[in-house]
Amino acid sequence: MARIGGDSGRPHRPAFVRVGHRVVLIDLNALYPQTPHHSGTYHPDGLQIRKVTTGVLTEWGLSEWGEWYGKVTYTLSARDRQESVTHWVPAWALRPADGAGRVRPDRRR
């Protein structure tokens, strides 16, 4: 079956860019938004996701529509439990931990 697309064979930048290990801040409140008209009650043993936490960025991935996602490992905490999580996080939820510059890869690649 013929491929459907409109890129006309033009060259593309790499879709994945390894960056070593960079410390970043992850806005968990933005990443996991509260549902509209939230009616839950506070539970002291629940997941602590209404905060900004640190993580380690190891790679950037470009979606098929041009959005950047960072492969990040960070720790989700609850009262007596901590769990390491690795997944793709949208670039808009990430910031450099040192506060300097941009965290996203160069768009001109």
PDB file of N, CA and C in Angstrom:
ATOM      1  N   MET A   1       0.842  -1.170   0.000  1.00  0.00           N
ATOM      2  CA  MET A   1       0.000   0.000   0.000  1.00  0.00           C
ATOM      3  C   MET A   1       0.891   1.239   0.000  1.00  0.00           C
ATOM      4  N   ALA A   2       0.526   2.213  -0.787  1.00  0.00           N
ATOM      5  CA  ALA A   2       1.303   3.446  -0.891  1.00  0.00           C
ATOM      6  C   ALA A   2       1.203   4.265   0.392  1.00  0.00           C
ATOM      7  N   ARG A   3       2.309   4.906   0.715  1.00  0.00           N
ATOM      8  CA  ARG A   3       2.338   5.748   1.908  1.00  0.00           C
ATOM      9  C   ARG A   3       1.596   7.049   1.649  1.00  0.00           C
ATOM     10  N   ILE A   4       0.795   7.450   2.604  1.00  0.00           N
ATOM     11  CA  ILE A   4       0.070   8.712   2.485  1.00  0.00           C
ATOM     12  C   ILE A   4       0.847   9.768   3.255  1.00  0.00           C
ATOM     13  N   GLY A   5       1.133  10.866   2.625  1.00  0.00           N
ATOM     14  CA  GLY A   5       1.870  11.932   3.302  1.00  0.00           C
ATOM     15  C   GLY A   5       2.146  13.062   2.348  1.00  0.00           C
ATOM     16  N   GLY A   6       2.617  14.146   2.879  1.00  0.00           N
ATOM     17  CA  GLY A   6       2.851  15.304   2.044  1.00  0.00           C
ATOM     18  C   GLY A   6       4.217  15.913   2.228  1.00  0.00           C
ATOM     19  N   ASP A   7       5.205  15.131   2.668  1.00  0.00           N
ATOM     20  CA  ASP A   7       6.510  15.736   2.924  1.00  0.00           C
ATOM     21  C   ASP A   7       7.380  15.794   1.674  1.00  0.00           C
ATOM     22  N   SER A   8       6.976  15.209   0.575  1.00  0.00           N
ATOM     23  CA  SER A   8       7.675  15.259  -0.711  1.00  0.00           C
ATOM     24  C   SER A   8       9.122  14.796  -0.632  1.00  0.00           C
ATOM     25  N   GLY A   9       9.444  13.976   0.348  1.00  0.00           N
ATOM     26  CA  GLY A   9      10.790  13.443   0.458  1.00  0.00           C
ATOM     27  C   GLY A   9      11.829  14.421   0.976  1.00  0.00           C
ATOM     28  N   ARG A  10      11.419  15.540   1.506  1.00  0.00           N
ATOM     29  CA  ARG A  10      12.385  16.529   2.001  1.00  0.00           C
ATOM     30  C   ARG A  10      13.119  15.982   3.227  1.00  0.00           C
ATOM     31  N   PRO A  11      14.355  16.443   3.455  1.00  0.00           N
ATOM     32  CA  PRO A  11      15.120  15.938   4.604  1.00  0.00           C
ATOM     33  C   PRO A  11      14.512  16.395   5.932  1.00  0.00           C
ATOM     34  N   HIS A  12      14.673  15.574   6.938  1.00  0.00           N
ATOM     35  CA  HIS A  12      14.139  15.869   8.265  1.00  0.00           C
ATOM     36  C   HIS A  12      15.271  15.888   9.282  1.00  0.00           C
ATOM     37  N   ARG A  13      15.098  16.682  10.316  1.00  0.00           N
ATOM     38  CA  ARG A  13      16.039  16.635  11.438  1.00  0.00           C
ATOM     39  C   ARG A  13      15.789  15.342  12.203  1.00  0.00           C
ATOM     40  N   PRO A  14      16.729  14.922  13.036  1.00  0.00           N
ATOM     41  CA  PRO A  14      16.516  13.699  13.818  1.00  0.00           C
ATOM     42  C   PRO A  14      15.304  13.843  14.738  1.00  0.00           C
ATOM     43  N   ALA A  15      14.532  12.787  14.875  1.00  0.00           N
ATOM     44  CA  ALA A  15      13.349  12.814  15.743  1.00  0.00           C
ATOM     45  C   ALA A  15      13.718  12.582  17.201  1.00  0.00           C
ATOM     46  N   PHE A  16      14.887  12.013  17.468  1.00  0.00           N
ATOM     47  CA  PHE A  16      15.324  11.748  18.839  1.00  0.00           C
ATOM     48  C   PHE A  16      16.722  12.313  19.041  1.00  0.00           C
ATOM     49  N   VAL A  17      16.903  13.028  20.161  1.00  0.00           N
ATOM     50  CA  VAL A  17      18.181  13.669  20.472  1.00  0.00           C
ATOM     51  C   VAL A  17      18.566  13.314  21.904  1.00  0.00           C
ATOM     52  N   ARG A  18      19.659  12.577  22.070  1.00  0.00           N
ATOM     53  CA  ARG A  18      20.145  12.241  23.419  1.00  0.00           C
ATOM     54  C   ARG A  18      20.872  13.458  23.991  1.00  0.00           C
ATOM     55  N   VAL A  19      20.673  13.693  25.297  1.00  0.00           N
ATOM     56  CA  VAL A  19      21.267  14.875  25.930  1.00  0.00           C
ATOM     57  C   VAL A  19      22.106  14.533  27.159  1.00  0.00           C
ATOM     58  N   GLY A  20      22.448  13.290  27.347  1.00  0.00           N
ATOM     59  CA  GLY A  20      23.185  12.898  28.546  1.00  0.00           C
ATOM     60  C   GLY A  20      22.237  12.846  29.730  1.00  0.00           C
ATOM     61  N   HIS A  21      22.620  13.474  30.829  1.00  0.00           N
ATOM     62  CA  HIS A  21      21.777  13.518  32.029  1.00  0.00           C
ATOM     63  C   HIS A  21      21.693  14.968  32.495  1.00  0.00           C
ATOM     64  N   ARG A  22      20.557  15.610  32.247  1.00  0.00           N
ATOM     65  CA  ARG A  22      20.354  17.006  32.645  1.00  0.00           C
ATOM     66  C   ARG A  22      19.275  17.066  33.712  1.00  0.00           C
ATOM     67  N   VAL A  23      19.546  17.798  34.779  1.00  0.00           N
ATOM     68  CA  VAL A  23      18.564  17.959  35.851  1.00  0.00           C
ATOM     69  C   VAL A  23      17.549  19.010  35.420  1.00  0.00           C
ATOM     70  N   VAL A  24      16.268  18.653  35.529  1.00  0.00           N
ATOM     71  CA  VAL A  24      15.183  19.556  35.138  1.00  0.00           C
ATOM     72  C   VAL A  24      14.137  19.624  36.247  1.00  0.00           C
ATOM     73  N   LEU A  25      13.320  20.657  36.180  1.00  0.00           N
ATOM     74  CA  LEU A  25      12.163  20.780  37.059  1.00  0.00           C
ATOM     75  C   LEU A  25      10.930  20.377  36.271  1.00  0.00           C
ATOM     76  N   ILE A  26      10.069  19.574  36.865  1.00  0.00           N
ATOM     77  CA  ILE A  26       8.844  19.102  36.222  1.00  0.00           C
ATOM     78  C   ILE A  26       7.661  19.662  36.993  1.00  0.00           C
ATOM     79  N   ASP A  27       6.792  20.367  36.296  1.00  0.00           N
ATOM     80  CA  ASP A  27       5.586  20.913  36.920  1.00  0.00           C
ATOM     81  C   ASP A  27       4.509  19.830  36.903  1.00  0.00           C
ATOM     82  N   LEU A  28       4.427  19.061  37.984  1.00  0.00           N
ATOM     83  CA  LEU A  28       3.464  17.956  38.054  1.00  0.00           C
ATOM     84  C   LEU A  28       2.028  18.460  38.064  1.00  0.00           C
ATOM     85  N   ASN A  29       1.804  19.648  38.598  1.00  0.00           N
ATOM     86  CA  ASN A  29       0.459  20.212  38.614  1.00  0.00           C
ATOM     87  C   ASN A  29      -0.038  20.480  37.189  1.00  0.00           C
ATOM     88  N   ALA A  30       0.862  20.895  36.306  1.00  0.00           N
ATOM     89  CA  ALA A  30       0.495  21.104  34.904  1.00  0.00           C
ATOM     90  C   ALA A  30       0.407  19.779  34.158  1.00  0.00           C
ATOM     91  N   LEU A  31       1.312  18.861  34.482  1.00  0.00           N
ATOM     92  CA  LEU A  31       1.341  17.564  33.807  1.00  0.00           C
ATOM     93  C   LEU A  31       0.116  16.719  34.141  1.00  0.00           C
ATOM     94  N   TYR A  32      -0.317  16.782  35.397  1.00  0.00           N
ATOM     95  CA  TYR A  32      -1.492  16.041  35.862  1.00  0.00           C
ATOM     96  C   TYR A  32      -2.533  17.041  36.367  1.00  0.00           C
ATOM     97  N   PRO A  33      -3.247  17.697  35.466  1.00  0.00           N
ATOM     98  CA  PRO A  33      -4.184  18.740  35.915  1.00  0.00           C
ATOM     99  C   PRO A  33      -5.353  18.164  36.703  1.00  0.00           C
ATOM    100  N   GLN A  34      -5.853  18.980  37.607  1.00  0.00           N
ATOM    101  CA  GLN A  34      -7.024  18.596  38.391  1.00  0.00           C
ATOM    102  C   GLN A  34      -8.251  18.672  37.487  1.00  0.00           C
ATOM    103  N   THR A  35      -9.147  17.719  37.620  1.00  0.00           N
ATOM    104  CA  THR A  35     -10.342  17.707  36.784  1.00  0.00           C
ATOM    105  C   THR A  35     -11.243  18.884  37.128  1.00  0.00           C
ATOM    106  N   PRO A  36     -11.965  19.412  36.134  1.00  0.00           N
ATOM    107  CA  PRO A  36     -12.900  20.498  36.418  1.00  0.00           C
ATOM    108  C   PRO A  36     -13.950  20.047  37.433  1.00  0.00           C
ATOM    109  N   HIS A  37     -14.348  20.956  38.276  1.00  0.00           N
ATOM    110  CA  HIS A  37     -15.380  20.689  39.289  1.00  0.00           C
ATOM    111  C   HIS A  37     -14.973  19.532  40.197  1.00  0.00           C
ATOM    112  N   HIS A  38     -13.698  19.511  40.547  1.00  0.00           N
ATOM    113  CA  HIS A  38     -13.138  18.453  41.403  1.00  0.00           C
ATOM    114  C   HIS A  38     -13.944  18.329  42.690  1.00  0.00           C
ATOM    115  N   SER A  39     -14.289  17.105  43.039  1.00  0.00           N
ATOM    116  CA  SER A  39     -15.082  16.893  44.252  1.00  0.00           C
ATOM    117  C   SER A  39     -14.425  15.898  45.209  1.00  0.00           C
ATOM    118  N   GLY A  40     -13.168  15.552  44.960  1.00  0.00           N
ATOM    119  CA  GLY A  40     -12.473  14.613  45.839  1.00  0.00           C
ATOM    120  C   GLY A  40     -12.132  15.245  47.176  1.00  0.00           C
ATOM    121  N   THR A  41     -11.736  14.410  48.107  1.00  0.00           N
ATOM    122  CA  THR A  41     -11.334  14.901  49.419  1.00  0.00           C
ATOM    123  C   THR A  41      -9.855  14.615  49.634  1.00  0.00           C
ATOM    124  N   TYR A  42      -9.245  15.388  50.488  1.00  0.00           N
ATOM    125  CA  TYR A  42      -7.825  15.247  50.804  1.00  0.00           C
ATOM    126  C   TYR A  42      -7.566  13.894  51.459  1.00  0.00           C
ATOM    127  N   HIS A  43      -6.495  13.230  51.011  1.00  0.00           N
ATOM    128  CA  HIS A  43      -6.077  11.967  51.620  1.00  0.00           C
ATOM    129  C   HIS A  43      -4.578  12.073  51.901  1.00  0.00           C
ATOM    130  N   PRO A  44      -4.161  12.079  53.157  1.00  0.00           N
ATOM    131  CA  PRO A  44      -2.755  12.311  53.497  1.00  0.00           C
ATOM    132  C   PRO A  44      -1.797  11.246  52.968  1.00  0.00           C
ATOM    133  N   ASP A  45      -2.280  10.059  52.611  1.00  0.00           N
ATOM    134  CA  ASP A  45      -1.412   8.997  52.098  1.00  0.00           C
ATOM    135  C   ASP A  45      -1.365   8.960  50.572  1.00  0.00           C
ATOM    136  N   GLY A  46      -2.061   9.863  49.903  1.00  0.00           N
ATOM    137  CA  GLY A  46      -2.164   9.839  48.444  1.00  0.00           C
ATOM    138  C   GLY A  46      -0.916  10.356  47.739  1.00  0.00           C
ATOM    139  N   LEU A  47      -0.910  10.204  46.422  1.00  0.00           N
ATOM    140  CA  LEU A  47       0.193  10.690  45.597  1.00  0.00           C
ATOM    141  C   LEU A  47       0.316  12.200  45.729  1.00  0.00           C
ATOM    142  N   GLN A  48       1.540  12.674  45.813  1.00  0.00           N
ATOM    143  CA  GLN A  48       1.808  14.107  45.940  1.00  0.00           C
ATOM    144  C   GLN A  48       2.145  14.659  44.559  1.00  0.00           C
ATOM    145  N   ILE A  49       1.117  15.102  43.833  1.00  0.00           N
ATOM    146  CA  ILE A  49       1.324  15.574  42.464  1.00  0.00           C
ATOM    147  C   ILE A  49       0.981  17.041  42.275  1.00  0.00           C
ATOM    148  N   ARG A  50       0.734  17.765  43.322  1.00  0.00           N
ATOM    149  CA  ARG A  50       0.455  19.198  43.230  1.00  0.00           C
ATOM    150  C   ARG A  50       1.703  19.981  43.609  1.00  0.00           C
ATOM    151  N   LYS A  51       2.801  19.735  42.860  1.00  0.00           N
ATOM    152  CA  LYS A  51       4.069  20.386  43.173  1.00  0.00           C
ATOM    153  C   LYS A  51       4.982  20.370  41.954  1.00  0.00           C
ATOM    154  N   VAL A  52       6.102  21.056  42.087  1.00  0.00           N
ATOM    155  CA  VAL A  52       7.176  21.000  41.099  1.00  0.00           C
ATOM    156  C   VAL A  52       8.269  20.130  41.705  1.00  0.00           C
ATOM    157  N   THR A  53       8.753  19.165  40.936  1.00  0.00           N
ATOM    158  CA  THR A  53       9.772  18.242  41.439  1.00  0.00           C
ATOM    159  C   THR A  53      10.946  18.192  40.469  1.00  0.00           C
ATOM    160  N   THR A  54      12.057  17.636  40.905  1.00  0.00           N
ATOM    161  CA  THR A  54      13.221  17.510  40.027  1.00  0.00           C
ATOM    162  C   THR A  54      13.231  16.140  39.363  1.00  0.00           C
ATOM    163  N   GLY A  55      13.836  16.096  38.196  1.00  0.00           N
ATOM    164  CA  GLY A  55      13.972  14.852  37.460  1.00  0.00           C
ATOM    165  C   GLY A  55      15.224  14.898  36.607  1.00  0.00           C
ATOM    166  N   VAL A  56      15.489  13.810  35.903  1.00  0.00           N
ATOM    167  CA  VAL A  56      16.659  13.719  35.031  1.00  0.00           C
ATOM    168  C   VAL A  56      16.185  13.507  33.598  1.00  0.00           C
ATOM    169  N   LEU A  57      16.533  14.455  32.746  1.00  0.00           N
ATOM    170  CA  LEU A  57      16.213  14.405  31.320  1.00  0.00           C
ATOM    171  C   LEU A  57      17.344  13.687  30.604  1.00  0.00           C
ATOM    172  N   THR A  58      17.015  12.666  29.790  1.00  0.00           N
ATOM    173  CA  THR A  58      18.050  11.926  29.063  1.00  0.00           C
ATOM    174  C   THR A  58      17.913  12.017  27.548  1.00  0.00           C
ATOM    175  N   GLU A  59      16.737  12.392  27.066  1.00  0.00           N
ATOM    176  CA  GLU A  59      16.528  12.383  25.615  1.00  0.00           C
ATOM    177  C   GLU A  59      15.345  13.271  25.259  1.00  0.00           C
ATOM    178  N   TRP A  60      15.409  13.850  24.059  1.00  0.00           N
ATOM    179  CA  TRP A  60      14.275  14.574  23.498  1.00  0.00           C
ATOM    180  C   TRP A  60      13.681  13.745  22.372  1.00  0.00           C
ATOM    181  N   GLY A  61      12.363  13.769  22.247  1.00  0.00           N
ATOM    182  CA  GLY A  61      11.680  13.111  21.144  1.00  0.00           C
ATOM    183  C   GLY A  61      10.726  14.097  20.495  1.00  0.00           C
ATOM    184  N   LEU A  62      10.707  14.090  19.189  1.00  0.00           N
ATOM    185  CA  LEU A  62       9.845  14.982  18.425  1.00  0.00           C
ATOM    186  C   LEU A  62       8.625  14.194  17.967  1.00  0.00           C
ATOM    187  N   SER A  63       7.434  14.717  18.253  1.00  0.00           N
ATOM    188  CA  SER A  63       6.221  14.024  17.806  1.00  0.00           C
ATOM    189  C   SER A  63       6.077  14.179  16.295  1.00  0.00           C
ATOM    190  N   GLU A  64       5.192  13.407  15.719  1.00  0.00           N
ATOM    191  CA  GLU A  64       5.001  13.491  14.271  1.00  0.00           C
ATOM    192  C   GLU A  64       4.461  14.846  13.833  1.00  0.00           C
ATOM    193  N   TRP A  65       3.919  15.633  14.762  1.00  0.00           N
ATOM    194  CA  TRP A  65       3.393  16.963  14.442  1.00  0.00           C
ATOM    195  C   TRP A  65       4.283  18.088  14.940  1.00  0.00           C
ATOM    196  N   GLY A  66       5.504  17.760  15.400  1.00  0.00           N
ATOM    197  CA  GLY A  66       6.489  18.788  15.711  1.00  0.00           C
ATOM    198  C   GLY A  66       6.579  19.250  17.149  1.00  0.00           C
ATOM    199  N   GLU A  67       5.887  18.589  18.081  1.00  0.00           N
ATOM    200  CA  GLU A  67       6.005  18.971  19.488  1.00  0.00           C
ATOM    201  C   GLU A  67       7.144  18.181  20.132  1.00  0.00           C
ATOM    202  N   TRP A  68       7.888  18.853  21.021  1.00  0.00           N
ATOM    203  CA  TRP A  68       8.980  18.197  21.728  1.00  0.00           C
ATOM    204  C   TRP A  68       8.495  17.575  23.023  1.00  0.00           C
ATOM    205  N   TYR A  69       9.029  16.377  23.319  1.00  0.00           N
ATOM    206  CA  TYR A  69       8.764  15.665  24.569  1.00  0.00           C
ATOM    207  C   TYR A  69      10.108  15.228  25.139  1.00  0.00           C
ATOM    208  N   GLY A  70      10.270  15.382  26.453  1.00  0.00           N
ATOM    209  CA  GLY A  70      11.500  14.966  27.109  1.00  0.00           C
ATOM    210  C   GLY A  70      11.321  13.632  27.808  1.00  0.00           C
ATOM    211  N   LYS A  71      12.278  12.733  27.636  1.00  0.00           N
ATOM    212  CA  LYS A  71      12.258  11.459  28.366  1.00  0.00           C
ATOM    213  C   LYS A  71      12.872  11.731  29.739  1.00  0.00           C
ATOM    214  N   VAL A  72      12.029  11.702  30.759  1.00  0.00           N
ATOM    215  CA  VAL A  72      12.421  12.153  32.091  1.00  0.00           C
ATOM    216  C   VAL A  72      12.162  11.058  33.123  1.00  0.00           C
ATOM    217  N   THR A  73      13.096  10.906  34.048  1.00  0.00           N
ATOM    218  CA  THR A  73      12.920  10.014  35.191  1.00  0.00           C
ATOM    219  C   THR A  73      12.812  10.883  36.435  1.00  0.00           C
ATOM    220  N   TYR A  74      11.771  10.665  37.210  1.00  0.00           N
ATOM    221  CA  TYR A  74      11.562  11.425  38.438  1.00  0.00           C
ATOM    222  C   TYR A  74      10.865  10.533  39.451  1.00  0.00           C
ATOM    223  N   THR A  75      10.738  11.026  40.669  1.00  0.00           N
ATOM    224  CA  THR A  75      10.145  10.244  41.748  1.00  0.00           C
ATOM    225  C   THR A  75       8.787  10.806  42.122  1.00  0.00           C
ATOM    226  N   LEU A  76       7.776   9.941  42.115  1.00  0.00           N
ATOM    227  CA  LEU A  76       6.457  10.289  42.648  1.00  0.00           C
ATOM    228  C   LEU A  76       6.417   9.797  44.083  1.00  0.00           C
ATOM    229  N   SER A  77       5.947  10.654  44.964  1.00  0.00           N
ATOM    230  CA  SER A  77       5.928  10.315  46.388  1.00  0.00           C
ATOM    231  C   SER A  77       4.514  10.208  46.917  1.00  0.00           C
ATOM    232  N   ALA A  78       4.374   9.393  47.931  1.00  0.00           N
ATOM    233  CA  ALA A  78       3.194   9.335  48.785  1.00  0.00           C
ATOM    234  C   ALA A  78       3.761   9.326  50.204  1.00  0.00           C
ATOM    235  N   ARG A  79       2.942   9.243  51.191  1.00  0.00           N
ATOM    236  CA  ARG A  79       3.447   9.357  52.568  1.00  0.00           C
ATOM    237  C   ARG A  79       4.590   8.377  52.850  1.00  0.00           C
ATOM    238  N   ASP A  80       4.371   7.082  52.687  1.00  0.00           N
ATOM    239  CA  ASP A  80       5.382   6.072  53.014  1.00  0.00           C
ATOM    240  C   ASP A  80       5.901   5.343  51.781  1.00  0.00           C
ATOM    241  N   ARG A  81       5.787   5.968  50.630  1.00  0.00           N
ATOM    242  CA  ARG A  81       6.138   5.271  49.397  1.00  0.00           C
ATOM    243  C   ARG A  81       6.741   6.259  48.404  1.00  0.00           C
ATOM    244  N   GLN A  82       7.758   5.810  47.688  1.00  0.00           N
ATOM    245  CA  GLN A  82       8.339   6.582  46.598  1.00  0.00           C
ATOM    246  C   GLN A  82       8.548   5.643  45.424  1.00  0.00           C
ATOM    247  N   GLU A  83       8.215   6.128  44.243  1.00  0.00           N
ATOM    248  CA  GLU A  83       8.349   5.285  43.061  1.00  0.00           C
ATOM    249  C   GLU A  83       8.977   6.078  41.934  1.00  0.00           C
ATOM    250  N   SER A  84       9.996   5.500  41.324  1.00  0.00           N
ATOM    251  CA  SER A  84      10.661   6.123  40.195  1.00  0.00           C
ATOM    252  C   SER A  84       9.830   5.891  38.937  1.00  0.00           C
ATOM    253  N   VAL A  85       9.634   6.955  38.166  1.00  0.00           N
ATOM    254  CA  VAL A  85       8.810   6.906  36.958  1.00  0.00           C
ATOM    255  C   VAL A  85       9.642   7.452  35.800  1.00  0.00           C
ATOM    256  N   THR A  86       9.606   6.779  34.664  1.00  0.00           N
ATOM    257  CA  THR A  86      10.248   7.284  33.450  1.00  0.00           C
ATOM    258  C   THR A  86       9.204   7.321  32.347  1.00  0.00           C
ATOM    259  N   HIS A  87       9.006   8.498  31.776  1.00  0.00           N
ATOM    260  CA  HIS A  87       8.100   8.606  30.634  1.00  0.00           C
ATOM    261  C   HIS A  87       8.353   9.898  29.876  1.00  0.00           C
ATOM    262  N   TRP A  88       7.639  10.071  28.763  1.00  0.00           N
ATOM    263  CA  TRP A  88       7.782  11.244  27.908  1.00  0.00           C
ATOM    264  C   TRP A  88       6.898  12.360  28.445  1.00  0.00           C
ATOM    265  N   VAL A  89       7.523  13.498  28.737  1.00  0.00           N
ATOM    266  CA  VAL A  89       6.838  14.651  29.327  1.00  0.00           C
ATOM    267  C   VAL A  89       6.860  15.791  28.310  1.00  0.00           C
ATOM    268  N   PRO A  90       5.729  16.475  28.077  1.00  0.00           N
ATOM    269  CA  PRO A  90       5.724  17.604  27.141  1.00  0.00           C
ATOM    270  C   PRO A  90       6.740  18.670  27.560  1.00  0.00           C
ATOM    271  N   ALA A  91       7.406  19.269  26.579  1.00  0.00           N
ATOM    272  CA  ALA A  91       8.442  20.265  26.865  1.00  0.00           C
ATOM    273  C   ALA A  91       7.915  21.426  27.690  1.00  0.00           C
ATOM    274  N   TRP A  92       6.649  21.790  27.515  1.00  0.00           N
ATOM    275  CA  TRP A  92       6.101  22.935  28.246  1.00  0.00           C
ATOM    276  C   TRP A  92       5.990  22.674  29.744  1.00  0.00           C
ATOM    277  N   ALA A  93       6.115  21.436  30.191  1.00  0.00           N
ATOM    278  CA  ALA A  93       6.055  21.123  31.626  1.00  0.00           C
ATOM    279  C   ALA A  93       7.445  21.013  32.246  1.00  0.00           C
ATOM    280  N   LEU A  94       8.497  21.273  31.462  1.00  0.00           N
ATOM    281  CA  LEU A  94       9.879  21.136  31.934  1.00  0.00           C
ATOM    282  C   LEU A  94      10.593  22.484  31.952  1.00  0.00           C
ATOM    283  N   ARG A  95      11.473  22.662  32.936  1.00  0.00           N
ATOM    284  CA  ARG A  95      12.311  23.854  33.051  1.00  0.00           C
ATOM    285  C   ARG A  95      13.705  23.413  33.502  1.00  0.00           C
ATOM    286  N   PRO A  96      14.754  24.165  33.102  1.00  0.00           N
ATOM    287  CA  PRO A  96      16.091  23.831  33.601  1.00  0.00           C
ATOM    288  C   PRO A  96      16.144  24.008  35.115  1.00  0.00           C
ATOM    289  N   ALA A  97      16.770  23.098  35.821  1.00  0.00           N
ATOM    290  CA  ALA A  97      16.849  23.184  37.280  1.00  0.00           C
ATOM    291  C   ALA A  97      17.739  24.334  37.725  1.00  0.00           C
ATOM    292  N   ASP A  98      18.732  24.693  36.902  1.00  0.00           N
ATOM    293  CA  ASP A  98      19.631  25.779  37.290  1.00  0.00           C
ATOM    294  C   ASP A  98      19.069  27.152  36.930  1.00  0.00           C
ATOM    295  N   GLY A  99      17.901  27.189  36.283  1.00  0.00           N
ATOM    296  CA  GLY A  99      17.256  28.453  35.941  1.00  0.00           C
ATOM    297  C   GLY A  99      17.870  29.169  34.756  1.00  0.00           C
ATOM    298  N   ALA A 100      18.836  28.561  34.100  1.00  0.00           N
ATOM    299  CA  ALA A 100      19.519  29.218  32.990  1.00  0.00           C
ATOM    300  C   ALA A 100      19.046  28.677  31.651  1.00  0.00           C
ATOM    301  N   GLY A 101      18.658  29.566  30.765  1.00  0.00           N
ATOM    302  CA  GLY A 101      18.351  29.197  29.390  1.00  0.00           C
ATOM    303  C   GLY A 101      17.123  28.331  29.208  1.00  0.00           C
ATOM    304  N   ARG A 102      17.041  27.805  27.994  1.00  0.00           N
ATOM    305  CA  ARG A 102      15.920  26.951  27.627  1.00  0.00           C
ATOM    306  C   ARG A 102      16.263  25.503  27.899  1.00  0.00           C
ATOM    307  N   VAL A 103      15.242  24.716  28.099  1.00  0.00           N
ATOM    308  CA  VAL A 103      15.469  23.289  28.305  1.00  0.00           C
ATOM    309  C   VAL A 103      15.254  22.520  27.001  1.00  0.00           C
ATOM    310  N   ARG A 104      14.499  23.078  26.054  1.00  0.00           N
ATOM    311  CA  ARG A 104      14.209  22.375  24.799  1.00  0.00           C
ATOM    312  C   ARG A 104      15.409  22.387  23.861  1.00  0.00           C
ATOM    313  N   PRO A 105      15.472  21.411  22.973  1.00  0.00           N
ATOM    314  CA  PRO A 105      16.576  21.390  22.006  1.00  0.00           C
ATOM    315  C   PRO A 105      16.433  22.525  21.000  1.00  0.00           C
ATOM    316  N   ASP A 106      17.508  22.808  20.317  1.00  0.00           N
ATOM    317  CA  ASP A 106      17.519  23.858  19.306  1.00  0.00           C
ATOM    318  C   ASP A 106      16.551  23.497  18.190  1.00  0.00           C
ATOM    319  N   ARG A 107      15.665  24.396  17.837  1.00  0.00           N
ATOM    320  CA  ARG A 107      14.655  24.140  16.798  1.00  0.00           C
ATOM    321  C   ARG A 107      15.257  24.087  15.395  1.00  0.00           C
ATOM    322  N   ARG A 108      16.463  24.578  15.219  1.00  0.00           N
ATOM    323  CA  ARG A 108      17.049  24.649  13.878  1.00  0.00           C
ATOM    324  C   ARG A 108      17.747  23.375  13.454  1.00  0.00           C
ATOM    325  N   ARG A 109      17.748  22.358  14.259  1.00  0.00           N
ATOM    326  CA  ARG A 109      18.450  21.111  13.913  1.00  0.00           C
ATOM    327  C   ARG A 109      17.850  20.458  12.714  1.00  0.00           C
TER     328      ARG A 109
END
